[in-house]
Amino acid sequence: MNNNFPPNPNGHGQPPMNGQPNGPRPGQQPPDYNRPPLVGLGGWLAVFQVYMYWALFGAFITIPAYIFIMFIVANPDIIPAEMQSELNRTLAMYNMDLQSLSSFELVAAGIKLILLIILLILLYTRKRSFPRMARMYLVINLALVVVTFFIIPPTVSMVSAMIWTAVITLLWNLYFSRSVRVRNTFIR
């Protein structure tokens, strides 16, 4: 077997085990030799690619938004008088700590942006470290959501977002640790 290609999960081209022929045993179906091995960026890996691009788009949108929020909070005199009460109500909701929350969210979005770019490079070069880095990104993302939960007053939507993020993290971590396609694709 050539080391440049992943092993075929169908057993085609494998040496016989224990000196026995490589055919079907009585009562068993013969293996489907025409089915290609699970390799490539298809299947659930395509779904994860969509997830990464969606998160990358979100990071590109939130970074300027948090910079704008930090600018508005630092310079409240540029806001028209009609909107001053709305700003004061928002600041009261966040315990007058919107500046530090925006700073934290800006740093978190920057970290996620950098990790996503690294992940995309590892994905398309099919590096062996991609599954480990993807699991690390998911755990860091969950940790940032939990920290945000403790920084600002929790709402029902925040609790549901934290639970949803935990479930997604668990499911993707299981996928990256058990998938045949992942094992066969990331071999460099």
N, C-alpha and C. Protein backbone atom coordinates (compact mmCIF):
# COMPACT_ATOMS: atom_id res chain seq x y z
N MET A 1 0.86 -1.17 0.00
CA MET A 1 0.00 0.00 0.00
C MET A 1 0.90 1.23 0.00
N ASN A 2 0.58 2.18 -0.82
CA ASN A 2 1.34 3.41 -0.95
C ASN A 2 0.98 4.34 0.21
N ASN A 3 1.94 4.98 0.82
CA ASN A 3 1.69 5.87 1.95
C ASN A 3 1.13 7.22 1.54
N ASN A 4 1.07 7.49 0.25
CA ASN A 4 0.55 8.77 -0.20
C ASN A 4 -0.98 8.81 -0.19
N PHE A 5 -1.62 7.67 -0.09
CA PHE A 5 -3.07 7.61 -0.11
C PHE A 5 -3.58 6.98 1.17
N PRO A 6 -4.75 7.41 1.62
CA PRO A 6 -5.29 6.83 2.84
C PRO A 6 -5.73 5.39 2.61
N PRO A 7 -5.82 4.60 3.67
CA PRO A 7 -6.27 3.23 3.49
C PRO A 7 -7.73 3.19 3.05
N ASN A 8 -8.07 2.19 2.29
CA ASN A 8 -9.43 2.04 1.80
C ASN A 8 -10.27 1.40 2.90
N PRO A 9 -11.33 2.06 3.38
CA PRO A 9 -12.12 1.47 4.46
C PRO A 9 -12.91 0.25 4.01
N ASN A 10 -12.98 0.00 2.70
CA ASN A 10 -13.70 -1.17 2.20
C ASN A 10 -12.88 -2.44 2.28
N GLY A 11 -11.59 -2.32 2.58
CA GLY A 11 -10.72 -3.49 2.67
C GLY A 11 -10.13 -3.89 1.33
N HIS A 12 -10.44 -3.20 0.26
CA HIS A 12 -9.93 -3.54 -1.07
C HIS A 12 -8.42 -3.28 -1.10
N GLY A 13 -7.69 -4.26 -1.56
CA GLY A 13 -6.25 -4.10 -1.68
C GLY A 13 -5.54 -4.40 -0.38
N GLN A 14 -6.24 -4.82 0.64
CA GLN A 14 -5.63 -5.15 1.92
C GLN A 14 -5.08 -6.57 1.85
N PRO A 15 -3.99 -6.85 2.53
CA PRO A 15 -3.47 -8.22 2.53
C PRO A 15 -4.40 -9.13 3.32
N PRO A 16 -4.43 -10.43 2.98
CA PRO A 16 -5.31 -11.34 3.71
C PRO A 16 -4.88 -11.44 5.17
N MET A 17 -5.86 -11.61 6.04
CA MET A 17 -5.59 -11.68 7.48
C MET A 17 -5.46 -13.14 7.88
N ASN A 18 -4.47 -13.45 8.69
CA ASN A 18 -4.23 -14.79 9.23
C ASN A 18 -4.09 -15.84 8.14
N GLY A 19 -3.57 -15.48 7.00
CA GLY A 19 -3.34 -16.42 5.93
C GLY A 19 -4.60 -16.87 5.22
N GLN A 20 -5.75 -16.28 5.50
CA GLN A 20 -6.99 -16.69 4.87
C GLN A 20 -7.22 -15.84 3.63
N PRO A 21 -7.94 -16.37 2.67
CA PRO A 21 -8.21 -15.59 1.46
C PRO A 21 -9.04 -14.36 1.79
N ASN A 22 -8.94 -13.40 0.92
CA ASN A 22 -9.57 -12.10 1.15
C ASN A 22 -10.97 -12.05 0.54
N GLY A 23 -11.70 -13.14 0.54
CA GLY A 23 -13.04 -13.17 -0.03
C GLY A 23 -14.09 -13.21 1.05
N PRO A 24 -15.35 -13.20 0.64
CA PRO A 24 -16.42 -13.25 1.63
C PRO A 24 -16.52 -14.64 2.25
N ARG A 25 -16.88 -14.66 3.50
CA ARG A 25 -17.11 -15.92 4.20
C ARG A 25 -18.49 -16.43 3.81
N PRO A 26 -18.74 -17.70 4.00
CA PRO A 26 -20.08 -18.22 3.66
C PRO A 26 -21.16 -17.49 4.45
N GLY A 27 -22.21 -17.07 3.76
CA GLY A 27 -23.32 -16.38 4.40
C GLY A 27 -23.13 -14.87 4.48
N GLN A 28 -22.00 -14.33 4.02
CA GLN A 28 -21.75 -12.89 4.05
C GLN A 28 -21.82 -12.32 2.65
N GLN A 29 -22.18 -11.05 2.59
CA GLN A 29 -22.20 -10.35 1.32
C GLN A 29 -20.77 -9.99 0.92
N PRO A 30 -20.44 -10.07 -0.35
CA PRO A 30 -19.10 -9.64 -0.76
C PRO A 30 -18.97 -8.13 -0.60
N PRO A 31 -17.78 -7.64 -0.27
CA PRO A 31 -17.61 -6.18 -0.12
C PRO A 31 -17.82 -5.47 -1.45
N ASP A 32 -18.30 -4.25 -1.37
CA ASP A 32 -18.55 -3.44 -2.56
C ASP A 32 -17.25 -2.74 -2.94
N TYR A 33 -16.52 -3.33 -3.91
CA TYR A 33 -15.23 -2.79 -4.29
C TYR A 33 -15.35 -1.54 -5.15
N ASN A 34 -16.54 -1.27 -5.65
CA ASN A 34 -16.72 -0.11 -6.50
C ASN A 34 -16.94 1.17 -5.70
N ARG A 35 -17.23 1.05 -4.41
CA ARG A 35 -17.48 2.23 -3.59
C ARG A 35 -16.15 2.89 -3.24
N PRO A 36 -16.00 4.19 -3.53
CA PRO A 36 -14.73 4.86 -3.21
C PRO A 36 -14.58 5.06 -1.71
N PRO A 37 -13.36 5.19 -1.24
CA PRO A 37 -13.16 5.42 0.19
C PRO A 37 -13.67 6.81 0.59
N LEU A 38 -13.99 6.96 1.85
CA LEU A 38 -14.46 8.25 2.36
C LEU A 38 -13.26 9.16 2.53
N VAL A 39 -13.03 10.00 1.54
CA VAL A 39 -11.91 10.93 1.54
C VAL A 39 -12.41 12.23 0.93
N GLY A 40 -11.89 13.33 1.42
CA GLY A 40 -12.20 14.62 0.81
C GLY A 40 -12.99 15.51 1.73
N LEU A 41 -13.34 16.66 1.20
CA LEU A 41 -14.00 17.69 1.99
C LEU A 41 -15.52 17.66 1.81
N GLY A 42 -16.07 16.52 1.55
CA GLY A 42 -17.51 16.39 1.41
C GLY A 42 -18.15 15.95 2.71
N GLY A 43 -19.39 15.52 2.61
CA GLY A 43 -20.12 15.03 3.78
C GLY A 43 -20.27 16.10 4.85
N TRP A 44 -20.07 15.68 6.09
CA TRP A 44 -20.20 16.61 7.21
C TRP A 44 -19.09 17.64 7.25
N LEU A 45 -17.95 17.35 6.61
CA LEU A 45 -16.89 18.36 6.53
C LEU A 45 -17.34 19.56 5.71
N ALA A 46 -18.20 19.34 4.73
CA ALA A 46 -18.76 20.47 3.97
C ALA A 46 -19.64 21.33 4.87
N VAL A 47 -20.38 20.70 5.76
CA VAL A 47 -21.21 21.45 6.71
C VAL A 47 -20.33 22.26 7.65
N PHE A 48 -19.22 21.67 8.10
CA PHE A 48 -18.31 22.40 8.98
C PHE A 48 -17.66 23.57 8.24
N GLN A 49 -17.40 23.41 6.94
CA GLN A 49 -16.86 24.53 6.16
C GLN A 49 -17.85 25.68 6.13
N VAL A 50 -19.12 25.37 5.93
CA VAL A 50 -20.15 26.42 5.94
C VAL A 50 -20.18 27.09 7.31
N TYR A 51 -20.09 26.30 8.37
CA TYR A 51 -20.06 26.84 9.74
C TYR A 51 -18.87 27.79 9.91
N MET A 52 -17.69 27.40 9.40
CA MET A 52 -16.51 28.26 9.54
C MET A 52 -16.66 29.55 8.76
N TYR A 53 -17.20 29.47 7.55
CA TYR A 53 -17.39 30.69 6.77
C TYR A 53 -18.44 31.60 7.41
N TRP A 54 -19.47 31.01 8.00
CA TRP A 54 -20.49 31.81 8.69
C TRP A 54 -19.87 32.50 9.91
N ALA A 55 -19.04 31.79 10.67
CA ALA A 55 -18.37 32.39 11.82
C ALA A 55 -17.38 33.46 11.38
N LEU A 56 -16.71 33.25 10.26
CA LEU A 56 -15.78 34.25 9.73
C LEU A 56 -16.53 35.51 9.31
N PHE A 57 -17.67 35.34 8.66
CA PHE A 57 -18.50 36.47 8.29
C PHE A 57 -18.97 37.22 9.54
N GLY A 58 -19.37 36.47 10.56
CA GLY A 58 -19.80 37.08 11.82
C GLY A 58 -18.68 37.88 12.48
N ALA A 59 -17.46 37.35 12.43
CA ALA A 59 -16.32 38.08 13.02
C ALA A 59 -16.05 39.36 12.24
N PHE A 60 -16.14 39.30 10.92
CA PHE A 60 -15.92 40.51 10.12
C PHE A 60 -16.99 41.56 10.36
N ILE A 61 -18.19 41.15 10.72
CA ILE A 61 -19.26 42.10 11.00
C ILE A 61 -19.16 42.66 12.42
N THR A 62 -18.84 41.80 13.39
CA THR A 62 -18.86 42.25 14.78
C THR A 62 -17.67 43.12 15.16
N ILE A 63 -16.54 42.92 14.55
CA ILE A 63 -15.36 43.72 14.91
C ILE A 63 -15.63 45.21 14.67
N PRO A 64 -16.07 45.64 13.48
CA PRO A 64 -16.38 47.07 13.31
C PRO A 64 -17.53 47.54 14.22
N ALA A 65 -18.48 46.65 14.48
CA ALA A 65 -19.60 47.04 15.34
C ALA A 65 -19.12 47.34 16.76
N TYR A 66 -18.24 46.51 17.30
CA TYR A 66 -17.73 46.77 18.65
C TYR A 66 -16.82 47.99 18.69
N ILE A 67 -16.08 48.22 17.63
CA ILE A 67 -15.26 49.44 17.58
C ILE A 67 -16.18 50.66 17.58
N PHE A 68 -17.26 50.61 16.84
CA PHE A 68 -18.22 51.71 16.81
C PHE A 68 -18.86 51.92 18.18
N ILE A 69 -19.24 50.84 18.85
CA ILE A 69 -19.83 50.95 20.19
C ILE A 69 -18.85 51.58 21.16
N MET A 70 -17.59 51.14 21.10
CA MET A 70 -16.58 51.71 21.99
C MET A 70 -16.40 53.20 21.71
N PHE A 71 -16.45 53.59 20.44
CA PHE A 71 -16.31 54.99 20.09
C PHE A 71 -17.49 55.80 20.61
N ILE A 72 -18.71 55.30 20.47
CA ILE A 72 -19.90 56.00 20.93
C ILE A 72 -19.90 56.15 22.45
N VAL A 73 -19.52 55.09 23.15
CA VAL A 73 -19.51 55.15 24.62
C VAL A 73 -18.43 56.11 25.10
N ALA A 74 -17.30 56.16 24.43
CA ALA A 74 -16.22 57.07 24.82
C ALA A 74 -16.55 58.53 24.48
N ASN A 75 -17.37 58.74 23.46
CA ASN A 75 -17.71 60.11 23.02
C ASN A 75 -19.24 60.28 22.99
N PRO A 76 -19.90 60.31 24.14
CA PRO A 76 -21.37 60.41 24.13
C PRO A 76 -21.88 61.77 23.66
N ASP A 77 -21.02 62.77 23.61
CA ASP A 77 -21.47 64.10 23.20
C ASP A 77 -21.77 64.19 21.71
N ILE A 78 -21.33 63.23 20.89
CA ILE A 78 -21.61 63.28 19.46
C ILE A 78 -22.98 62.70 19.12
N ILE A 79 -23.64 62.11 20.09
CA ILE A 79 -24.97 61.53 19.87
C ILE A 79 -26.00 62.65 19.96
N PRO A 80 -26.95 62.69 19.03
CA PRO A 80 -28.01 63.71 19.10
C PRO A 80 -28.80 63.58 20.41
N ALA A 81 -29.40 64.69 20.81
CA ALA A 81 -30.12 64.75 22.08
C ALA A 81 -31.29 63.77 22.12
N GLU A 82 -31.91 63.51 20.95
CA GLU A 82 -33.04 62.58 20.92
C GLU A 82 -32.62 61.15 21.27
N MET A 83 -31.36 60.80 20.99
CA MET A 83 -30.89 59.44 21.23
C MET A 83 -30.13 59.30 22.54
N GLN A 84 -29.92 60.39 23.26
CA GLN A 84 -29.20 60.37 24.53
C GLN A 84 -29.89 59.46 25.54
N SER A 85 -31.22 59.51 25.61
CA SER A 85 -31.94 58.68 26.57
C SER A 85 -31.78 57.19 26.23
N GLU A 86 -31.74 56.86 24.95
CA GLU A 86 -31.53 55.46 24.53
C GLU A 86 -30.15 54.98 24.94
N LEU A 87 -29.14 55.83 24.79
CA LEU A 87 -27.78 55.46 25.21
C LEU A 87 -27.72 55.28 26.72
N ASN A 88 -28.34 56.17 27.46
CA ASN A 88 -28.33 56.05 28.92
C ASN A 88 -29.05 54.77 29.37
N ARG A 89 -30.15 54.42 28.71
CA ARG A 89 -30.87 53.20 29.04
C ARG A 89 -30.02 51.96 28.74
N THR A 90 -29.31 51.98 27.61
CA THR A 90 -28.42 50.86 27.26
C THR A 90 -27.28 50.74 28.25
N LEU A 91 -26.68 51.88 28.62
CA LEU A 91 -25.59 51.84 29.60
C LEU A 91 -26.09 51.33 30.95
N ALA A 92 -27.29 51.71 31.34
CA ALA A 92 -27.85 51.23 32.61
C ALA A 92 -28.09 49.72 32.57
N MET A 93 -28.49 49.23 31.41
CA MET A 93 -28.74 47.79 31.28
C MET A 93 -27.45 46.99 31.46
N TYR A 94 -26.34 47.55 31.01
CA TYR A 94 -25.05 46.86 31.14
C TYR A 94 -24.24 47.38 32.32
N ASN A 95 -24.91 47.95 33.30
CA ASN A 95 -24.26 48.44 34.53
C ASN A 95 -23.15 49.43 34.25
N MET A 96 -23.37 50.28 33.27
CA MET A 96 -22.40 51.32 32.90
C MET A 96 -21.05 50.74 32.50
N ASP A 97 -21.02 49.46 32.10
CA ASP A 97 -19.76 48.80 31.77
C ASP A 97 -19.74 48.34 30.32
N LEU A 98 -20.40 49.08 29.45
CA LEU A 98 -20.47 48.70 28.05
C LEU A 98 -19.10 48.82 27.37
N GLN A 99 -18.27 49.74 27.84
CA GLN A 99 -16.93 49.92 27.25
C GLN A 99 -16.08 48.67 27.47
N SER A 100 -16.04 48.14 28.70
CA SER A 100 -15.21 46.95 28.95
C SER A 100 -15.80 45.71 28.29
N LEU A 101 -17.13 45.62 28.24
CA LEU A 101 -17.75 44.50 27.54
C LEU A 101 -17.43 44.54 26.05
N SER A 102 -17.50 45.71 25.47
CA SER A 102 -17.17 45.84 24.05
C SER A 102 -15.70 45.53 23.80
N SER A 103 -14.83 45.91 24.73
CA SER A 103 -13.41 45.57 24.58
C SER A 103 -13.20 44.07 24.62
N PHE A 104 -13.87 43.41 25.57
CA PHE A 104 -13.76 41.95 25.66
C PHE A 104 -14.29 41.28 24.39
N GLU A 105 -15.44 41.72 23.92
CA GLU A 105 -16.02 41.13 22.72
C GLU A 105 -15.15 41.39 21.48
N LEU A 106 -14.51 42.55 21.44
CA LEU A 106 -13.61 42.86 20.32
C LEU A 106 -12.41 41.93 20.33
N VAL A 107 -11.82 41.71 21.50
CA VAL A 107 -10.69 40.78 21.61
C VAL A 107 -11.13 39.36 21.26
N ALA A 108 -12.31 38.95 21.75
CA ALA A 108 -12.82 37.61 21.46
C ALA A 108 -13.06 37.43 19.96
N ALA A 109 -13.64 38.42 19.31
CA ALA A 109 -13.87 38.33 17.87
C ALA A 109 -12.56 38.29 17.11
N GLY A 110 -11.56 39.03 17.58
CA GLY A 110 -10.24 38.99 16.94
C GLY A 110 -9.58 37.62 17.07
N ILE A 111 -9.70 37.01 18.25
CA ILE A 111 -9.14 35.67 18.46
C ILE A 111 -9.83 34.67 17.55
N LYS A 112 -11.16 34.74 17.49
CA LYS A 112 -11.90 33.82 16.64
C LYS A 112 -11.55 34.03 15.17
N LEU A 113 -11.38 35.28 14.76
CA LEU A 113 -11.02 35.57 13.37
C LEU A 113 -9.68 34.94 13.00
N ILE A 114 -8.70 35.13 13.87
CA ILE A 114 -7.37 34.57 13.60
C ILE A 114 -7.42 33.04 13.57
N LEU A 115 -8.12 32.44 14.54
CA LEU A 115 -8.23 30.98 14.56
C LEU A 115 -8.96 30.44 13.33
N LEU A 116 -9.99 31.14 12.89
CA LEU A 116 -10.72 30.69 11.71
C LEU A 116 -9.87 30.76 10.45
N ILE A 117 -9.08 31.79 10.31
CA ILE A 117 -8.18 31.87 9.15
C ILE A 117 -7.17 30.74 9.17
N ILE A 118 -6.60 30.46 10.35
CA ILE A 118 -5.66 29.35 10.49
C ILE A 118 -6.37 28.03 10.16
N LEU A 119 -7.59 27.86 10.65
CA LEU A 119 -8.35 26.63 10.38
C LEU A 119 -8.62 26.44 8.89
N LEU A 120 -8.98 27.51 8.21
CA LEU A 120 -9.24 27.38 6.78
C LEU A 120 -7.98 27.01 6.01
N ILE A 121 -6.85 27.56 6.42
CA ILE A 121 -5.58 27.19 5.77
C ILE A 121 -5.28 25.72 6.02
N LEU A 122 -5.45 25.27 7.27
CA LEU A 122 -5.20 23.86 7.59
C LEU A 122 -6.18 22.94 6.87
N LEU A 123 -7.42 23.39 6.73
CA LEU A 123 -8.44 22.57 6.06
C LEU A 123 -8.08 22.35 4.60
N TYR A 124 -7.77 23.43 3.89
CA TYR A 124 -7.54 23.30 2.46
C TYR A 124 -6.17 22.75 2.10
N THR A 125 -5.24 22.74 3.05
CA THR A 125 -3.97 22.05 2.81
C THR A 125 -4.01 20.64 3.38
N ARG A 126 -5.13 20.28 3.99
CA ARG A 126 -5.37 18.94 4.55
C ARG A 126 -4.29 18.51 5.53
N LYS A 127 -3.95 19.41 6.40
CA LYS A 127 -2.94 19.13 7.42
C LYS A 127 -3.51 18.21 8.49
N ARG A 128 -2.67 17.38 9.03
CA ARG A 128 -3.06 16.43 10.06
C ARG A 128 -3.53 17.14 11.33
N SER A 129 -3.06 18.35 11.55
CA SER A 129 -3.41 19.08 12.77
C SER A 129 -4.78 19.75 12.70
N PHE A 130 -5.46 19.71 11.54
CA PHE A 130 -6.76 20.37 11.42
C PHE A 130 -7.80 19.88 12.42
N PRO A 131 -8.01 18.55 12.57
CA PRO A 131 -9.05 18.13 13.52
C PRO A 131 -8.78 18.60 14.95
N ARG A 132 -7.52 18.56 15.36
CA ARG A 132 -7.17 19.01 16.72
C ARG A 132 -7.40 20.51 16.87
N MET A 133 -7.02 21.29 15.86
CA MET A 133 -7.24 22.74 15.91
C MET A 133 -8.72 23.08 15.84
N ALA A 134 -9.49 22.31 15.08
CA ALA A 134 -10.94 22.56 15.01
C ALA A 134 -11.58 22.30 16.36
N ARG A 135 -11.18 21.23 17.03
CA ARG A 135 -11.71 20.96 18.37
C ARG A 135 -11.30 22.07 19.34
N MET A 136 -10.06 22.55 19.21
CA MET A 136 -9.59 23.63 20.08
C MET A 136 -10.39 24.90 19.83
N TYR A 137 -10.65 25.22 18.57
CA TYR A 137 -11.45 26.41 18.25
C TYR A 137 -12.84 26.31 18.87
N LEU A 138 -13.46 25.15 18.76
CA LEU A 138 -14.80 24.97 19.30
C LEU A 138 -14.83 25.14 20.82
N VAL A 139 -13.82 24.61 21.49
CA VAL A 139 -13.76 24.74 22.95
C VAL A 139 -13.49 26.18 23.35
N ILE A 140 -12.61 26.87 22.64
CA ILE A 140 -12.34 28.28 22.93
C ILE A 140 -13.60 29.12 22.69
N ASN A 141 -14.32 28.83 21.63
CA ASN A 141 -15.56 29.55 21.36
C ASN A 141 -16.57 29.34 22.49
N LEU A 142 -16.69 28.12 22.98
CA LEU A 142 -17.60 27.84 24.10
C LEU A 142 -17.14 28.57 25.35
N ALA A 143 -15.82 28.58 25.60
CA ALA A 143 -15.30 29.28 26.78
C ALA A 143 -15.59 30.78 26.71
N LEU A 144 -15.47 31.36 25.53
CA LEU A 144 -15.77 32.79 25.38
C LEU A 144 -17.25 33.08 25.61
N VAL A 145 -18.12 32.17 25.18
CA VAL A 145 -19.55 32.34 25.41
C VAL A 145 -19.85 32.26 26.91
N VAL A 146 -19.22 31.33 27.60
CA VAL A 146 -19.44 31.19 29.05
C VAL A 146 -18.92 32.41 29.80
N VAL A 147 -17.76 32.93 29.41
CA VAL A 147 -17.22 34.12 30.07
C VAL A 147 -18.15 35.31 29.84
N THR A 148 -18.67 35.45 28.64
CA THR A 148 -19.62 36.53 28.36
C THR A 148 -20.86 36.39 29.21
N PHE A 149 -21.29 35.17 29.44
CA PHE A 149 -22.45 34.91 30.29
C PHE A 149 -22.25 35.46 31.70
N PHE A 150 -21.01 35.39 32.20
CA PHE A 150 -20.74 35.87 33.55
C PHE A 150 -20.42 37.37 33.59
N ILE A 151 -20.11 37.96 32.45
CA ILE A 151 -19.79 39.39 32.42
C ILE A 151 -21.04 40.25 32.41
N ILE A 152 -22.00 39.89 31.56
CA ILE A 152 -23.20 40.73 31.45
C ILE A 152 -24.40 40.01 32.06
N PRO A 153 -25.43 40.75 32.39
CA PRO A 153 -26.61 40.11 32.97
C PRO A 153 -27.22 39.10 32.00
N PRO A 154 -27.41 37.87 32.46
CA PRO A 154 -27.92 36.83 31.54
C PRO A 154 -29.37 37.05 31.17
N THR A 155 -29.67 36.70 29.94
CA THR A 155 -31.04 36.73 29.44
C THR A 155 -31.40 35.32 28.97
N VAL A 156 -32.65 35.12 28.64
CA VAL A 156 -33.09 33.81 28.17
C VAL A 156 -32.38 33.45 26.87
N SER A 157 -32.22 34.42 25.99
CA SER A 157 -31.54 34.13 24.72
C SER A 157 -30.06 33.80 24.93
N MET A 158 -29.44 34.42 25.94
CA MET A 158 -28.03 34.09 26.23
C MET A 158 -27.90 32.67 26.76
N VAL A 159 -28.82 32.26 27.62
CA VAL A 159 -28.77 30.91 28.17
C VAL A 159 -28.98 29.89 27.05
N SER A 160 -29.95 30.15 26.18
CA SER A 160 -30.18 29.22 25.08
C SER A 160 -28.99 29.20 24.12
N ALA A 161 -28.36 30.36 23.89
CA ALA A 161 -27.17 30.39 23.03
C ALA A 161 -26.02 29.61 23.65
N MET A 162 -25.86 29.70 24.98
CA MET A 162 -24.79 28.96 25.63
C MET A 162 -25.06 27.46 25.56
N ILE A 163 -26.29 27.04 25.76
CA ILE A 163 -26.62 25.62 25.67
C ILE A 163 -26.43 25.13 24.24
N TRP A 164 -26.89 25.91 23.27
CA TRP A 164 -26.72 25.55 21.86
C TRP A 164 -25.24 25.43 21.49
N THR A 165 -24.42 26.36 21.95
CA THR A 165 -22.98 26.31 21.67
C THR A 165 -22.35 25.08 22.30
N ALA A 166 -22.77 24.73 23.51
CA ALA A 166 -22.23 23.54 24.18
C ALA A 166 -22.60 22.27 23.41
N VAL A 167 -23.84 22.19 22.94
CA VAL A 167 -24.27 21.01 22.18
C VAL A 167 -23.50 20.91 20.86
N ILE A 168 -23.38 22.03 20.16
CA ILE A 168 -22.64 22.04 18.89
C ILE A 168 -21.18 21.65 19.11
N THR A 169 -20.57 22.17 20.17
CA THR A 169 -19.18 21.83 20.48
C THR A 169 -19.03 20.34 20.74
N LEU A 170 -19.94 19.78 21.51
CA LEU A 170 -19.88 18.35 21.81
C LEU A 170 -20.04 17.52 20.54
N LEU A 171 -21.02 17.85 19.72
CA LEU A 171 -21.26 17.07 18.51
C LEU A 171 -20.10 17.14 17.52
N TRP A 172 -19.55 18.34 17.30
CA TRP A 172 -18.42 18.46 16.37
C TRP A 172 -17.18 17.79 16.93
N ASN A 173 -16.96 17.86 18.24
CA ASN A 173 -15.81 17.17 18.82
C ASN A 173 -15.93 15.67 18.65
N LEU A 174 -17.12 15.13 18.83
CA LEU A 174 -17.33 13.70 18.58
C LEU A 174 -17.08 13.36 17.12
N TYR A 175 -17.56 14.20 16.22
CA TYR A 175 -17.36 13.95 14.80
C TYR A 175 -15.86 13.94 14.45
N PHE A 176 -15.12 14.95 14.91
CA PHE A 176 -13.71 15.03 14.55
C PHE A 176 -12.88 13.91 15.18
N SER A 177 -13.32 13.36 16.28
CA SER A 177 -12.55 12.30 16.90
C SER A 177 -12.91 10.91 16.36
N ARG A 178 -14.09 10.73 15.73
CA ARG A 178 -14.51 9.40 15.31
C ARG A 178 -14.71 9.22 13.81
N SER A 179 -14.65 10.26 13.04
CA SER A 179 -15.00 10.18 11.63
C SER A 179 -13.93 9.49 10.79
N VAL A 180 -14.38 8.56 9.95
CA VAL A 180 -13.47 7.89 9.01
C VAL A 180 -13.01 8.88 7.95
N ARG A 181 -13.91 9.73 7.48
CA ARG A 181 -13.56 10.73 6.47
C ARG A 181 -12.47 11.66 6.99
N VAL A 182 -12.57 12.08 8.23
CA VAL A 182 -11.56 12.98 8.81
C VAL A 182 -10.21 12.26 8.89
N ARG A 183 -10.22 11.02 9.33
CA ARG A 183 -8.97 10.26 9.42
C ARG A 183 -8.34 10.07 8.05
N ASN A 184 -9.15 9.81 7.02
CA ASN A 184 -8.61 9.56 5.70
C ASN A 184 -8.23 10.84 4.95
N THR A 185 -8.80 11.97 5.31
CA THR A 185 -8.56 13.21 4.57
C THR A 185 -7.34 13.95 5.08
N PHE A 186 -7.19 14.05 6.37
CA PHE A 186 -6.11 14.88 6.95
C PHE A 186 -4.94 13.99 7.31
N ILE A 187 -4.07 13.76 6.31
CA ILE A 187 -2.97 12.83 6.48
C ILE A 187 -1.61 13.47 6.28
N ARG A 188 -1.56 14.75 5.94
CA ARG A 188 -0.25 15.38 5.66
C ARG A 188 0.34 15.96 6.91
